[in-house]
Protein backbone atom coordinates (compact mmCIF):
# COMPACT_ATOMS: atom_id res chain seq x y z
CA UNK A 1 0.52 35.27 84.57
CA UNK A 2 0.35 36.64 81.04
CA UNK A 3 -2.44 38.59 79.41
CA UNK A 4 -3.34 38.15 75.75
CA UNK A 5 -6.24 39.19 73.54
CA UNK A 6 -7.85 35.91 74.62
CA UNK A 7 -7.71 36.90 78.29
CA UNK A 8 -5.52 35.85 81.19
CA UNK A 9 -3.43 32.71 80.81
CA UNK A 10 -2.24 30.90 83.91
CA UNK A 11 1.48 30.12 84.10
CA UNK A 12 1.98 26.60 82.70
CA UNK A 13 2.75 24.20 85.51
CA UNK A 14 2.27 20.69 84.20
CA UNK A 15 3.33 18.06 86.75
CA UNK A 16 5.27 16.22 84.04
CA UNK A 17 7.31 19.36 83.31
CA UNK A 18 8.13 19.80 86.99
CA UNK A 19 9.29 16.18 87.08
CA UNK A 20 11.41 16.61 83.95
CA UNK A 21 15.07 15.71 84.42
CA UNK A 22 17.59 18.44 84.98
CA UNK A 23 19.67 18.68 81.81
CA UNK A 24 23.34 19.53 82.07
CA UNK A 25 25.66 20.96 79.46
CA UNK A 26 29.06 19.43 78.79
CA UNK A 27 30.58 22.26 80.86
CA UNK A 28 28.21 21.44 83.75
CA UNK A 29 29.22 17.79 83.47
CA UNK A 30 32.88 18.77 83.39
CA UNK A 31 32.45 20.49 86.76
CA UNK A 32 30.40 17.63 88.20
CA UNK A 33 32.71 14.80 87.13
CA UNK A 34 35.99 16.74 87.17
CA UNK A 35 36.66 15.44 83.63
CA UNK A 36 37.74 17.61 80.70
CA UNK A 37 35.05 18.49 78.15
CA UNK A 38 37.09 16.81 75.39
CA UNK A 39 36.96 13.55 77.35
CA UNK A 40 33.19 13.91 77.78
CA UNK A 41 32.74 14.36 74.02
CA UNK A 42 35.00 11.36 73.45
CA UNK A 43 32.76 9.29 75.75
CA UNK A 44 29.73 10.46 73.74
CA UNK A 45 31.34 9.48 70.42
CA UNK A 46 32.22 6.05 71.81
CA UNK A 47 28.75 5.55 73.30
CA UNK A 48 30.06 5.28 76.83
CA UNK A 49 27.94 7.94 78.53
CA UNK A 50 24.18 8.64 78.32
CA UNK A 51 23.20 11.85 76.56
CA UNK A 52 20.36 13.64 74.80
CA UNK A 53 20.83 15.33 71.45
CA UNK A 54 18.69 18.41 70.81
CA UNK A 55 19.46 19.34 67.21
CA UNK A 56 23.22 19.94 67.33
CA UNK A 57 23.35 20.40 71.13
CA UNK A 58 24.24 17.68 73.60
CA UNK A 59 22.67 17.60 77.04
CA UNK A 60 23.06 15.15 79.88
CA UNK A 61 20.28 14.12 82.25
CA UNK A 62 21.63 14.58 85.76
CA UNK A 63 19.54 11.61 86.95
CA UNK A 64 20.93 9.34 84.20
CA UNK A 65 24.48 10.52 84.81
CA UNK A 66 24.21 9.79 88.53
CA UNK A 67 22.82 6.32 87.72
CA UNK A 68 25.62 5.81 85.18
CA UNK A 69 28.18 6.68 87.86
CA UNK A 70 26.57 4.20 90.26
CA UNK A 71 26.56 1.45 87.62
CA UNK A 72 30.22 2.04 86.79
CA UNK A 73 31.46 2.33 90.37
CA UNK A 74 33.84 -0.33 91.56
CA UNK A 75 34.02 -1.01 95.25
CA UNK A 76 36.52 -3.20 97.00
CA UNK A 77 35.14 -6.57 97.96
CA UNK A 78 34.68 -7.17 101.65
CA UNK A 79 36.09 -10.21 103.36
CA UNK A 80 32.58 -11.75 103.41
CA UNK A 81 32.36 -11.37 99.61
CA UNK A 82 35.57 -13.32 99.01
CA UNK A 83 35.71 -17.05 98.57
CA UNK A 84 37.25 -18.89 101.51
CA UNK A 85 40.97 -19.41 101.11
CA UNK A 86 42.75 -22.66 101.94
CA UNK A 87 45.93 -22.68 103.95
């Protein structure tokens, strides 16, 4: 808690702030994705990866990045997914 001339102020704990997405830096994303920072910035310039711009700083929502990874994941098709083949 903080004390001011107006009295004691409770620490701000808005539920919406607690639910705010974790923002990552390009360096954080580099470690997470194992991709060079230059490649990350290239993806940003080409509009390939979701990001947030705060003045001149770029940040990446961890939630959005994980969704982006899921959307861009390619999995091998199972035998049931394939069309029947004729012999």
